[in-house]
Amino acid sequence: MGLFDTVICEYPLPDGREDNGGHFQTKDMDCYMGAYKITADGRLLEQESRWVDDESLPLGLRREDRGWNEIPFHGFLSFYTSDDGVWREYNAKFTDGRLVEIVVVPPAVRFGDKS
């Protein structure tokens, strides 16, 4: 297990699935527990945040979110989740920060699947 980033997808997914409140994960970006958003109009945004001192917390730090910035990402972004034991994965293709398409990644054979 390692670090990952969260993806919120406001853009309609090809299989009609809803975003589920931003519980998609990706390891295709910086993997610093950041957040990215695919907007309804196909832009890719990164959440700006910083760590601030907070002695009321066990580690003495808390993350302060400061808004969203559009980024000129060029390439593929794979994001995924598991709902009730069902793996769901998508590949989003971006050109200069604009979504070109999102495709569903077919599921692999699952453990216990005898078909």
PDB file of N, CA and C in Angstrom:
ATOM      1  N   MET A   1       0.841  -1.171   0.000  1.00  0.00           N
ATOM      2  CA  MET A   1       0.000   0.000   0.000  1.00  0.00           C
ATOM      3  C   MET A   1       0.883   1.230   0.000  1.00  0.00           C
ATOM      4  N   GLY A   2       0.472   2.248  -0.730  1.00  0.00           N
ATOM      5  CA  GLY A   2       1.247   3.468  -0.794  1.00  0.00           C
ATOM      6  C   GLY A   2       0.334   4.672  -0.851  1.00  0.00           C
ATOM      7  N   LEU A   3       0.952   5.807  -1.039  1.00  0.00           N
ATOM      8  CA  LEU A   3       0.180   7.035  -1.143  1.00  0.00           C
ATOM      9  C   LEU A   3      -0.485   7.130  -2.509  1.00  0.00           C
ATOM     10  N   PHE A   4      -1.532   7.923  -2.570  1.00  0.00           N
ATOM     11  CA  PHE A   4      -2.297   8.105  -3.797  1.00  0.00           C
ATOM     12  C   PHE A   4      -2.876   9.508  -3.781  1.00  0.00           C
ATOM     13  N   ASP A   5      -3.517   9.885  -4.853  1.00  0.00           N
ATOM     14  CA  ASP A   5      -4.257  11.134  -4.935  1.00  0.00           C
ATOM     15  C   ASP A   5      -5.728  10.802  -5.160  1.00  0.00           C
ATOM     16  N   THR A   6      -6.594  11.736  -4.800  1.00  0.00           N
ATOM     17  CA  THR A   6      -8.032  11.580  -4.980  1.00  0.00           C
ATOM     18  C   THR A   6      -8.462  12.269  -6.277  1.00  0.00           C
ATOM     19  N   VAL A   7      -9.414  11.661  -6.975  1.00  0.00           N
ATOM     20  CA  VAL A   7      -9.976  12.250  -8.191  1.00  0.00           C
ATOM     21  C   VAL A   7     -11.479  12.419  -7.996  1.00  0.00           C
ATOM     22  N   ILE A   8     -11.944  13.624  -8.229  1.00  0.00           N
ATOM     23  CA  ILE A   8     -13.372  13.926  -8.263  1.00  0.00           C
ATOM     24  C   ILE A   8     -13.732  14.073  -9.737  1.00  0.00           C
ATOM     25  N   CYS A   9     -14.712  13.323 -10.194  1.00  0.00           N
ATOM     26  CA  CYS A   9     -15.074  13.382 -11.608  1.00  0.00           C
ATOM     27  C   CYS A   9     -16.488  13.921 -11.754  1.00  0.00           C
ATOM     28  N   GLU A  10     -16.591  15.175 -12.206  1.00  0.00           N
ATOM     29  CA  GLU A  10     -17.889  15.790 -12.474  1.00  0.00           C
ATOM     30  C   GLU A  10     -18.346  15.506 -13.902  1.00  0.00           C
ATOM     31  N   TYR A  11     -17.419  15.091 -14.753  1.00  0.00           N
ATOM     32  CA  TYR A  11     -17.730  14.787 -16.151  1.00  0.00           C
ATOM     33  C   TYR A  11     -18.512  13.475 -16.203  1.00  0.00           C
ATOM     34  N   PRO A  12     -19.504  13.355 -17.059  1.00  0.00           N
ATOM     35  CA  PRO A  12     -20.273  12.103 -17.140  1.00  0.00           C
ATOM     36  C   PRO A  12     -19.383  10.921 -17.523  1.00  0.00           C
ATOM     37  N   LEU A  13     -19.493   9.855 -16.754  1.00  0.00           N
ATOM     38  CA  LEU A  13     -18.711   8.656 -17.046  1.00  0.00           C
ATOM     39  C   LEU A  13     -19.413   7.827 -18.111  1.00  0.00           C
ATOM     40  N   PRO A  14     -18.648   7.114 -18.951  1.00  0.00           N
ATOM     41  CA  PRO A  14     -19.245   6.408 -20.091  1.00  0.00           C
ATOM     42  C   PRO A  14     -20.199   5.283 -19.708  1.00  0.00           C
ATOM     43  N   ASP A  15     -20.074   4.752 -18.486  1.00  0.00           N
ATOM     44  CA  ASP A  15     -20.977   3.685 -18.072  1.00  0.00           C
ATOM     45  C   ASP A  15     -22.160   4.206 -17.244  1.00  0.00           C
ATOM     46  N   GLY A  16     -22.284   5.533 -17.144  1.00  0.00           N
ATOM     47  CA  GLY A  16     -23.394   6.136 -16.430  1.00  0.00           C
ATOM     48  C   GLY A  16     -23.227   6.176 -14.924  1.00  0.00           C
ATOM     49  N   ARG A  17     -22.104   5.716 -14.420  1.00  0.00           N
ATOM     50  CA  ARG A  17     -21.841   5.701 -12.981  1.00  0.00           C
ATOM     51  C   ARG A  17     -21.690   7.118 -12.445  1.00  0.00           C
ATOM     52  N   GLU A  18     -22.142   7.338 -11.227  1.00  0.00           N
ATOM     53  CA  GLU A  18     -21.986   8.635 -10.558  1.00  0.00           C
ATOM     54  C   GLU A  18     -20.612   8.688  -9.894  1.00  0.00           C
ATOM     55  N   ASP A  19     -20.180   9.888  -9.553  1.00  0.00           N
ATOM     56  CA  ASP A  19     -18.845  10.112  -9.003  1.00  0.00           C
ATOM     57  C   ASP A  19     -18.612   9.477  -7.639  1.00  0.00           C
ATOM     58  N   ASN A  20     -19.560   9.258  -6.829  1.00  0.00           N
ATOM     59  CA  ASN A  20     -19.508   8.698  -5.475  1.00  0.00           C
ATOM     60  C   ASN A  20     -18.765   9.601  -4.485  1.00  0.00           C
ATOM     61  N   GLY A  21     -18.885  10.898  -4.651  1.00  0.00           N
ATOM     62  CA  GLY A  21     -18.343  11.825  -3.664  1.00  0.00           C
ATOM     63  C   GLY A  21     -16.832  11.967  -3.670  1.00  0.00           C
ATOM     64  N   GLY A  22     -16.203  11.694  -4.785  1.00  0.00           N
ATOM     65  CA  GLY A  22     -14.756  11.901  -4.867  1.00  0.00           C
ATOM     66  C   GLY A  22     -13.922  10.784  -4.292  1.00  0.00           C
ATOM     67  N   HIS A  23     -14.446   9.586  -4.321  1.00  0.00           N
ATOM     68  CA  HIS A  23     -13.685   8.479  -3.766  1.00  0.00           C
ATOM     69  C   HIS A  23     -12.905   7.689  -4.803  1.00  0.00           C
ATOM     70  N   PHE A  24     -12.632   8.295  -5.938  1.00  0.00           N
ATOM     71  CA  PHE A  24     -11.729   7.659  -6.893  1.00  0.00           C
ATOM     72  C   PHE A  24     -10.304   7.922  -6.441  1.00  0.00           C
ATOM     73  N   GLN A  25      -9.416   6.998  -6.761  1.00  0.00           N
ATOM     74  CA  GLN A  25      -8.002   7.172  -6.462  1.00  0.00           C
ATOM     75  C   GLN A  25      -7.199   7.089  -7.743  1.00  0.00           C
ATOM     76  N   THR A  26      -6.004   7.669  -7.714  1.00  0.00           N
ATOM     77  CA  THR A  26      -5.057   7.536  -8.821  1.00  0.00           C
ATOM     78  C   THR A  26      -3.648   7.522  -8.271  1.00  0.00           C
ATOM     79  N   LYS A  27      -2.761   6.870  -8.999  1.00  0.00           N
ATOM     80  CA  LYS A  27      -1.327   6.916  -8.706  1.00  0.00           C
ATOM     81  C   LYS A  27      -0.586   7.497  -9.897  1.00  0.00           C
ATOM     82  N   ASP A  28      -1.329   8.145 -10.792  1.00  0.00           N
ATOM     83  CA  ASP A  28      -0.734   8.697 -12.009  1.00  0.00           C
ATOM     84  C   ASP A  28      -0.250  10.136 -11.849  1.00  0.00           C
ATOM     85  N   MET A  29      -0.499  10.745 -10.705  1.00  0.00           N
ATOM     86  CA  MET A  29      -0.072  12.128 -10.510  1.00  0.00           C
ATOM     87  C   MET A  29       1.063  12.155  -9.480  1.00  0.00           C
ATOM     88  N   ASP A  30       1.043  13.073  -8.522  1.00  0.00           N
ATOM     89  CA  ASP A  30       2.162  13.229  -7.591  1.00  0.00           C
ATOM     90  C   ASP A  30       2.137  12.286  -6.391  1.00  0.00           C
ATOM     91  N   CYS A  31       1.007  11.665  -6.098  1.00  0.00           N
ATOM     92  CA  CYS A  31       0.862  10.731  -4.964  1.00  0.00           C
ATOM     93  C   CYS A  31       1.277  11.371  -3.638  1.00  0.00           C
ATOM     94  N   TYR A  32       0.757  12.547  -3.371  1.00  0.00           N
ATOM     95  CA  TYR A  32       1.044  13.230  -2.113  1.00  0.00           C
ATOM     96  C   TYR A  32      -0.254  13.455  -1.321  1.00  0.00           C
ATOM     97  N   MET A  33      -1.271  12.642  -1.607  1.00  0.00           N
ATOM     98  CA  MET A  33      -2.586  12.746  -0.977  1.00  0.00           C
ATOM     99  C   MET A  33      -3.286  14.039  -1.391  1.00  0.00           C
ATOM    100  N   GLY A  34      -3.015  14.470  -2.608  1.00  0.00           N
ATOM    101  CA  GLY A  34      -3.651  15.656  -3.162  1.00  0.00           C
ATOM    102  C   GLY A  34      -4.991  15.318  -3.779  1.00  0.00           C
ATOM    103  N   ALA A  35      -5.614  16.324  -4.364  1.00  0.00           N
ATOM    104  CA  ALA A  35      -6.924  16.131  -4.985  1.00  0.00           C
ATOM    105  C   ALA A  35      -6.938  16.778  -6.364  1.00  0.00           C
ATOM    106  N   TYR A  36      -7.576  16.083  -7.291  1.00  0.00           N
ATOM    107  CA  TYR A  36      -7.735  16.549  -8.661  1.00  0.00           C
ATOM    108  C   TYR A  36      -9.212  16.468  -9.006  1.00  0.00           C
ATOM    109  N   LYS A  37      -9.635  17.320  -9.918  1.00  0.00           N
ATOM    110  CA  LYS A  37     -11.036  17.339 -10.330  1.00  0.00           C
ATOM    111  C   LYS A  37     -11.117  17.397 -11.852  1.00  0.00           C
ATOM    112  N   ILE A  38     -11.924  16.498 -12.417  1.00  0.00           N
ATOM    113  CA  ILE A  38     -12.272  16.574 -13.829  1.00  0.00           C
ATOM    114  C   ILE A  38     -13.627  17.269 -13.867  1.00  0.00           C
ATOM    115  N   THR A  39     -13.661  18.480 -14.396  1.00  0.00           N
ATOM    116  CA  THR A  39     -14.887  19.274 -14.364  1.00  0.00           C
ATOM    117  C   THR A  39     -15.898  18.778 -15.395  1.00  0.00           C
ATOM    118  N   ALA A  40     -17.133  19.228 -15.257  1.00  0.00           N
ATOM    119  CA  ALA A  40     -18.195  18.842 -16.182  1.00  0.00           C
ATOM    120  C   ALA A  40     -17.891  19.282 -17.610  1.00  0.00           C
ATOM    121  N   ASP A  41     -17.092  20.355 -17.766  1.00  0.00           N
ATOM    122  CA  ASP A  41     -16.736  20.811 -19.111  1.00  0.00           C
ATOM    123  C   ASP A  41     -15.379  20.272 -19.573  1.00  0.00           C
ATOM    124  N   GLY A  42     -14.797  19.303 -18.824  1.00  0.00           N
ATOM    125  CA  GLY A  42     -13.606  18.594 -19.284  1.00  0.00           C
ATOM    126  C   GLY A  42     -12.269  19.228 -18.961  1.00  0.00           C
ATOM    127  N   ARG A  43     -12.222  20.120 -17.983  1.00  0.00           N
ATOM    128  CA  ARG A  43     -10.938  20.687 -17.558  1.00  0.00           C
ATOM    129  C   ARG A  43     -10.378  19.861 -16.404  1.00  0.00           C
ATOM    130  N   LEU A  44      -9.048  19.864 -16.242  1.00  0.00           N
ATOM    131  CA  LEU A  44      -8.421  19.181 -15.116  1.00  0.00           C
ATOM    132  C   LEU A  44      -7.911  20.230 -14.141  1.00  0.00           C
ATOM    133  N   LEU A  45      -8.379  20.125 -12.892  1.00  0.00           N
ATOM    134  CA  LEU A  45      -7.999  21.063 -11.845  1.00  0.00           C
ATOM    135  C   LEU A  45      -7.245  20.329 -10.750  1.00  0.00           C
ATOM    136  N   GLU A  46      -6.317  21.045 -10.107  1.00  0.00           N
ATOM    137  CA  GLU A  46      -5.599  20.521  -8.957  1.00  0.00           C
ATOM    138  C   GLU A  46      -5.931  21.397  -7.755  1.00  0.00           C
ATOM    139  N   GLN A  47      -6.187  20.760  -6.623  1.00  0.00           N
ATOM    140  CA  GLN A  47      -6.508  21.529  -5.429  1.00  0.00           C
ATOM    141  C   GLN A  47      -5.222  22.078  -4.815  1.00  0.00           C
ATOM    142  N   GLU A  48      -5.214  23.387  -4.610  1.00  0.00           N
ATOM    143  CA  GLU A  48      -4.068  24.025  -3.966  1.00  0.00           C
ATOM    144  C   GLU A  48      -4.253  23.914  -2.459  1.00  0.00           C
ATOM    145  N   SER A  49      -3.202  23.498  -1.770  1.00  0.00           N
ATOM    146  CA  SER A  49      -3.280  23.386  -0.317  1.00  0.00           C
ATOM    147  C   SER A  49      -1.905  23.627   0.282  1.00  0.00           C
ATOM    148  N   ARG A  50      -1.890  23.812   1.577  1.00  0.00           N
ATOM    149  CA  ARG A  50      -0.621  23.964   2.285  1.00  0.00           C
ATOM    150  C   ARG A  50      -0.797  23.410   3.691  1.00  0.00           C
ATOM    151  N   TRP A  51       0.312  23.078   4.321  1.00  0.00           N
ATOM    152  CA  TRP A  51       0.290  22.572   5.686  1.00  0.00           C
ATOM    153  C   TRP A  51       0.531  23.737   6.635  1.00  0.00           C
ATOM    154  N   VAL A  52      -0.286  23.821   7.677  1.00  0.00           N
ATOM    155  CA  VAL A  52      -0.150  24.886   8.665  1.00  0.00           C
ATOM    156  C   VAL A  52      -0.044  24.264  10.061  1.00  0.00           C
ATOM    157  N   ASP A  53       0.660  24.973  10.960  1.00  0.00           N
ATOM    158  CA  ASP A  53       0.811  24.505  12.336  1.00  0.00           C
ATOM    159  C   ASP A  53      -0.528  24.508  13.050  1.00  0.00           C
ATOM    160  N   ASP A  54      -0.790  23.434  13.777  1.00  0.00           N
ATOM    161  CA  ASP A  54      -1.996  23.336  14.585  1.00  0.00           C
ATOM    162  C   ASP A  54      -1.669  22.420  15.762  1.00  0.00           C
ATOM    163  N   GLU A  55      -1.288  23.011  16.871  1.00  0.00           N
ATOM    164  CA  GLU A  55      -0.845  22.230  18.023  1.00  0.00           C
ATOM    165  C   GLU A  55      -1.974  21.446  18.690  1.00  0.00           C
ATOM    166  N   SER A  56      -3.213  21.677  18.279  1.00  0.00           N
ATOM    167  CA  SER A  56      -4.323  20.916  18.846  1.00  0.00           C
ATOM    168  C   SER A  56      -4.424  19.512  18.241  1.00  0.00           C
ATOM    169  N   LEU A  57      -3.672  19.262  17.176  1.00  0.00           N
ATOM    170  CA  LEU A  57      -3.692  17.956  16.510  1.00  0.00           C
ATOM    171  C   LEU A  57      -2.473  17.135  16.909  1.00  0.00           C
ATOM    172  N   PRO A  58      -2.585  15.801  16.890  1.00  0.00           N
ATOM    173  CA  PRO A  58      -1.476  14.943  17.335  1.00  0.00           C
ATOM    174  C   PRO A  58      -0.156  15.191  16.605  1.00  0.00           C
ATOM    175  N   LEU A  59      -0.198  15.431  15.298  1.00  0.00           N
ATOM    176  CA  LEU A  59       1.044  15.669  14.559  1.00  0.00           C
ATOM    177  C   LEU A  59       1.420  17.146  14.489  1.00  0.00           C
ATOM    178  N   GLY A  60       0.544  18.002  14.983  1.00  0.00           N
ATOM    179  CA  GLY A  60       0.838  19.421  15.013  1.00  0.00           C
ATOM    180  C   GLY A  60       0.661  20.135  13.689  1.00  0.00           C
ATOM    181  N   LEU A  61       0.077  19.459  12.710  1.00  0.00           N
ATOM    182  CA  LEU A  61      -0.139  20.050  11.388  1.00  0.00           C
ATOM    183  C   LEU A  61      -1.539  19.743  10.898  1.00  0.00           C
ATOM    184  N   ARG A  62      -2.073  20.637  10.093  1.00  0.00           N
ATOM    185  CA  ARG A  62      -3.323  20.359   9.386  1.00  0.00           C
ATOM    186  C   ARG A  62      -3.205  20.930   7.981  1.00  0.00           C
ATOM    187  N   ARG A  63      -3.965  20.339   7.098  1.00  0.00           N
ATOM    188  CA  ARG A  63      -3.946  20.767   5.703  1.00  0.00           C
ATOM    189  C   ARG A  63      -5.004  21.838   5.487  1.00  0.00           C
ATOM    190  N   GLU A  64      -4.611  22.911   4.859  1.00  0.00           N
ATOM    191  CA  GLU A  64      -5.521  24.004   4.554  1.00  0.00           C
ATOM    192  C   GLU A  64      -5.720  24.062   3.040  1.00  0.00           C
ATOM    193  N   ASP A  65      -6.951  23.822   2.597  1.00  0.00           N
ATOM    194  CA  ASP A  65      -7.247  23.852   1.170  1.00  0.00           C
ATOM    195  C   ASP A  65      -7.500  25.287   0.743  1.00  0.00           C
ATOM    196  N   ARG A  66      -6.970  25.653  -0.434  1.00  0.00           N
ATOM    197  CA  ARG A  66      -7.000  27.050  -0.857  1.00  0.00           C
ATOM    198  C   ARG A  66      -7.602  27.259  -2.243  1.00  0.00           C
ATOM    199  N   GLY A  67      -8.410  26.345  -2.717  1.00  0.00           N
ATOM    200  CA  GLY A  67      -9.037  26.527  -4.025  1.00  0.00           C
ATOM    201  C   GLY A  67      -8.482  25.578  -5.076  1.00  0.00           C
ATOM    202  N   TRP A  68      -8.941  25.772  -6.301  1.00  0.00           N
ATOM    203  CA  TRP A  68      -8.591  24.887  -7.414  1.00  0.00           C
ATOM    204  C   TRP A  68      -7.891  25.671  -8.508  1.00  0.00           C
ATOM    205  N   ASN A  69      -6.850  25.050  -9.094  1.00  0.00           N
ATOM    206  CA  ASN A  69      -6.108  25.647 -10.197  1.00  0.00           C
ATOM    207  C   ASN A  69      -6.167  24.726 -11.407  1.00  0.00           C
ATOM    208  N   GLU A  70      -6.426  25.294 -12.564  1.00  0.00           N
ATOM    209  CA  GLU A  70      -6.419  24.518 -13.802  1.00  0.00           C
ATOM    210  C   GLU A  70      -4.977  24.159 -14.146  1.00  0.00           C
ATOM    211  N   ILE A  71      -4.758  22.906 -14.563  1.00  0.00           N
ATOM    212  CA  ILE A  71      -3.407  22.481 -14.930  1.00  0.00           C
ATOM    213  C   ILE A  71      -3.397  21.978 -16.371  1.00  0.00           C
ATOM    214  N   PRO A  72      -2.287  22.194 -17.100  1.00  0.00           N
ATOM    215  CA  PRO A  72      -2.199  21.795 -18.506  1.00  0.00           C
ATOM    216  C   PRO A  72      -1.714  20.352 -18.682  1.00  0.00           C
ATOM    217  N   PHE A  73      -2.352  19.421 -17.983  1.00  0.00           N
ATOM    218  CA  PHE A  73      -1.938  18.016 -18.034  1.00  0.00           C
ATOM    219  C   PHE A  73      -2.097  17.464 -19.444  1.00  0.00           C
ATOM    220  N   HIS A  74      -1.100  16.704 -19.893  1.00  0.00           N
ATOM    221  CA  HIS A  74      -1.118  16.101 -21.224  1.00  0.00           C
ATOM    222  C   HIS A  74      -0.756  14.632 -21.061  1.00  0.00           C
ATOM    223  N   GLY A  75      -1.723  13.740 -21.279  1.00  0.00           N
ATOM    224  CA  GLY A  75      -1.466  12.314 -21.138  1.00  0.00           C
ATOM    225  C   GLY A  75      -2.699  11.581 -20.643  1.00  0.00           C
ATOM    226  N   PHE A  76      -2.455  10.425 -20.014  1.00  0.00           N
ATOM    227  CA  PHE A  76      -3.536   9.582 -19.527  1.00  0.00           C
ATOM    228  C   PHE A  76      -3.581   9.609 -18.006  1.00  0.00           C
ATOM    229  N   LEU A  77      -4.779   9.645 -17.479  1.00  0.00           N
ATOM    230  CA  LEU A  77      -5.003   9.613 -16.044  1.00  0.00           C
ATOM    231  C   LEU A  77      -5.930   8.438 -15.758  1.00  0.00           C
ATOM    232  N   SER A  78      -5.401   7.436 -15.079  1.00  0.00           N
ATOM    233  CA  SER A  78      -6.196   6.279 -14.686  1.00  0.00           C
ATOM    234  C   SER A  78      -6.733   6.537 -13.278  1.00  0.00           C
ATOM    235  N   PHE A  79      -8.038   6.327 -13.090  1.00  0.00           N
ATOM    236  CA  PHE A  79      -8.614   6.471 -11.753  1.00  0.00           C
ATOM    237  C   PHE A  79      -9.588   5.335 -11.506  1.00  0.00           C
ATOM    238  N   TYR A  80      -9.755   4.973 -10.234  1.00  0.00           N
ATOM    239  CA  TYR A  80     -10.450   3.736  -9.914  1.00  0.00           C
ATOM    240  C   TYR A  80     -11.054   3.787  -8.519  1.00  0.00           C
ATOM    241  N   THR A  81     -11.956   2.838  -8.272  1.00  0.00           N
ATOM    242  CA  THR A  81     -12.588   2.670  -6.969  1.00  0.00           C
ATOM    243  C   THR A  81     -13.116   1.248  -6.882  1.00  0.00           C
ATOM    244  N   SER A  82     -13.563   0.873  -5.709  1.00  0.00           N
ATOM    245  CA  SER A  82     -14.203  -0.425  -5.508  1.00  0.00           C
ATOM    246  C   SER A  82     -15.521  -0.187  -4.791  1.00  0.00           C
ATOM    247  N   ASP A  83     -16.613  -0.607  -5.413  1.00  0.00           N
ATOM    248  CA  ASP A  83     -17.948  -0.476  -4.823  1.00  0.00           C
ATOM    249  C   ASP A  83     -18.505  -1.859  -4.541  1.00  0.00           C
ATOM    250  N   ASP A  84     -18.764  -2.142  -3.290  1.00  0.00           N
ATOM    251  CA  ASP A  84     -19.338  -3.440  -2.911  1.00  0.00           C
ATOM    252  C   ASP A  84     -18.555  -4.594  -3.527  1.00  0.00           C
ATOM    253  N   GLY A  85     -17.243  -4.485  -3.512  1.00  0.00           N
ATOM    254  CA  GLY A  85     -16.394  -5.538  -4.044  1.00  0.00           C
ATOM    255  C   GLY A  85     -16.251  -5.546  -5.557  1.00  0.00           C
ATOM    256  N   VAL A  86     -16.830  -4.568  -6.237  1.00  0.00           N
ATOM    257  CA  VAL A  86     -16.728  -4.479  -7.695  1.00  0.00           C
ATOM    258  C   VAL A  86     -15.698  -3.404  -8.049  1.00  0.00           C
ATOM    259  N   TRP A  87     -14.651  -3.798  -8.753  1.00  0.00           N
ATOM    260  CA  TRP A  87     -13.597  -2.887  -9.172  1.00  0.00           C
ATOM    261  C   TRP A  87     -14.068  -2.093 -10.382  1.00  0.00           C
ATOM    262  N   ARG A  88     -13.920  -0.772 -10.314  1.00  0.00           N
ATOM    263  CA  ARG A  88     -14.287   0.103 -11.427  1.00  0.00           C
ATOM    264  C   ARG A  88     -13.086   0.976 -11.747  1.00  0.00           C
ATOM    265  N   GLU A  89     -12.701   0.957 -13.006  1.00  0.00           N
ATOM    266  CA  GLU A  89     -11.516   1.714 -13.417  1.00  0.00           C
ATOM    267  C   GLU A  89     -11.789   2.429 -14.737  1.00  0.00           C
ATOM    268  N   TYR A  90     -11.228   3.629 -14.845  1.00  0.00           N
ATOM    269  CA  TYR A  90     -11.424   4.475 -16.016  1.00  0.00           C
ATOM    270  C   TYR A  90     -10.084   5.065 -16.433  1.00  0.00           C
ATOM    271  N   ASN A  91      -9.923   5.274 -17.732  1.00  0.00           N
ATOM    272  CA  ASN A  91      -8.765   5.991 -18.267  1.00  0.00           C
ATOM    273  C   ASN A  91      -9.271   7.257 -18.944  1.00  0.00           C
ATOM    274  N   ALA A  92      -8.715   8.379 -18.503  1.00  0.00           N
ATOM    275  CA  ALA A  92      -9.074   9.671 -19.085  1.00  0.00           C
ATOM    276  C   ALA A  92      -7.883  10.179 -19.894  1.00  0.00           C
ATOM    277  N   LYS A  93      -8.136  10.576 -21.126  1.00  0.00           N
ATOM    278  CA  LYS A  93      -7.093  11.108 -21.992  1.00  0.00           C
ATOM    279  C   LYS A  93      -7.223  12.628 -22.041  1.00  0.00           C
ATOM    280  N   PHE A  94      -6.113  13.322 -21.758  1.00  0.00           N
ATOM    281  CA  PHE A  94      -6.083  14.786 -21.760  1.00  0.00           C
ATOM    282  C   PHE A  94      -5.068  15.289 -22.771  1.00  0.00           C
ATOM    283  N   THR A  95      -5.416  16.368 -23.427  1.00  0.00           N
ATOM    284  CA  THR A  95      -4.495  17.095 -24.291  1.00  0.00           C
ATOM    285  C   THR A  95      -4.479  18.534 -23.812  1.00  0.00           C
ATOM    286  N   ASP A  96      -3.313  18.963 -23.336  1.00  0.00           N
ATOM    287  CA  ASP A  96      -3.136  20.331 -22.834  1.00  0.00           C
ATOM    288  C   ASP A  96      -4.205  20.720 -21.818  1.00  0.00           C
ATOM    289  N   GLY A  97      -4.487  19.828 -20.880  1.00  0.00           N
ATOM    290  CA  GLY A  97      -5.428  20.115 -19.805  1.00  0.00           C
ATOM    291  C   GLY A  97      -6.890  19.946 -20.156  1.00  0.00           C
ATOM    292  N   ARG A  98      -7.190  19.533 -21.377  1.00  0.00           N
ATOM    293  CA  ARG A  98      -8.587  19.346 -21.811  1.00  0.00           C
ATOM    294  C   ARG A  98      -8.868  17.864 -22.034  1.00  0.00           C
ATOM    295  N   LEU A  99      -9.996  17.428 -21.507  1.00  0.00           N
ATOM    296  CA  LEU A  99     -10.382  16.035 -21.645  1.00  0.00           C
ATOM    297  C   LEU A  99     -10.726  15.716 -23.092  1.00  0.00           C
ATOM    298  N   VAL A 100     -10.139  14.647 -23.593  1.00  0.00           N
ATOM    299  CA  VAL A 100     -10.445  14.160 -24.939  1.00  0.00           C
ATOM    300  C   VAL A 100     -11.491  13.053 -24.851  1.00  0.00           C
ATOM    301  N   GLU A 101     -11.282  12.116 -23.915  1.00  0.00           N
ATOM    302  CA  GLU A 101     -12.249  11.032 -23.718  1.00  0.00           C
ATOM    303  C   GLU A 101     -11.979  10.315 -22.407  1.00  0.00           C
ATOM    304  N   ILE A 102     -13.004   9.646 -21.909  1.00  0.00           N
ATOM    305  CA  ILE A 102     -12.882   8.731 -20.775  1.00  0.00           C
ATOM    306  C   ILE A 102     -13.393   7.383 -21.246  1.00  0.00           C
ATOM    307  N   VAL A 103     -12.617   6.338 -20.994  1.00  0.00           N
ATOM    308  CA  VAL A 103     -13.044   4.986 -21.353  1.00  0.00           C
ATOM    309  C   VAL A 103     -13.049   4.112 -20.105  1.00  0.00           C
ATOM    310  N   VAL A 104     -13.922   3.119 -20.107  1.00  0.00           N
ATOM    311  CA  VAL A 104     -13.992   2.140 -19.027  1.00  0.00           C
ATOM    312  C   VAL A 104     -12.918   1.089 -19.275  1.00  0.00           C
ATOM    313  N   VAL A 105     -12.163   0.770 -18.237  1.00  0.00           N
ATOM    314  CA  VAL A 105     -11.193  -0.312 -18.321  1.00  0.00           C
ATOM    315  C   VAL A 105     -11.928  -1.601 -17.974  1.00  0.00           C
ATOM    316  N   PRO A 106     -11.934  -2.582 -18.890  1.00  0.00           N
ATOM    317  CA  PRO A 106     -12.666  -3.830 -18.606  1.00  0.00           C
ATOM    318  C   PRO A 106     -12.111  -4.509 -17.355  1.00  0.00           C
ATOM    319  N   PRO A 107     -12.994  -5.086 -16.541  1.00  0.00           N
ATOM    320  CA  PRO A 107     -12.523  -5.745 -15.312  1.00  0.00           C
ATOM    321  C   PRO A 107     -11.712  -6.993 -15.634  1.00  0.00           C
ATOM    322  N   ALA A 108     -10.712  -7.227 -14.814  1.00  0.00           N
ATOM    323  CA  ALA A 108      -9.935  -8.471 -14.933  1.00  0.00           C
ATOM    324  C   ALA A 108     -10.732  -9.584 -14.270  1.00  0.00           C
ATOM    325  N   VAL A 109     -10.319 -10.803 -14.499  1.00  0.00           N
ATOM    326  CA  VAL A 109     -10.989 -11.930 -13.860  1.00  0.00           C
ATOM    327  C   VAL A 109     -10.790 -11.804 -12.357  1.00  0.00           C
ATOM    328  N   ARG A 110     -11.867 -11.826 -11.627  1.00  0.00           N
ATOM    329  CA  ARG A 110     -11.807 -11.657 -10.175  1.00  0.00           C
ATOM    330  C   ARG A 110     -11.578 -13.002  -9.493  1.00  0.00           C
ATOM    331  N   PHE A 111     -11.016 -12.950  -8.284  1.00  0.00           N
ATOM    332  CA  PHE A 111     -10.828 -14.157  -7.503  1.00  0.00           C
ATOM    333  C   PHE A 111     -12.165 -14.843  -7.300  1.00  0.00           C
ATOM    334  N   GLY A 112     -12.209 -16.135  -7.463  1.00  0.00           N
ATOM    335  CA  GLY A 112     -13.430 -16.892  -7.258  1.00  0.00           C
ATOM    336  C   GLY A 112     -14.346 -16.937  -8.466  1.00  0.00           C
ATOM    337  N   ASP A 113     -14.002 -16.194  -9.529  1.00  0.00           N
ATOM    338  CA  ASP A 113     -14.820 -16.176 -10.744  1.00  0.00           C
ATOM    339  C   ASP A 113     -14.521 -17.450 -11.516  1.00  0.00           C
ATOM    340  N   LYS A 114     -15.506 -18.314 -11.665  1.00  0.00           N
ATOM    341  CA  LYS A 114     -15.295 -19.602 -12.313  1.00  0.00           C
ATOM    342  C   LYS A 114     -15.716 -19.600 -13.775  1.00  0.00           C
ATOM    343  N   SER A 115     -16.108 -18.419 -14.304  1.00  0.00           N
ATOM    344  CA  SER A 115     -16.545 -18.390 -15.702  1.00  0.00           C
ATOM    345  C   SER A 115     -15.381 -18.235 -16.653  1.00  0.00           C
TER     346      SER A 115
END
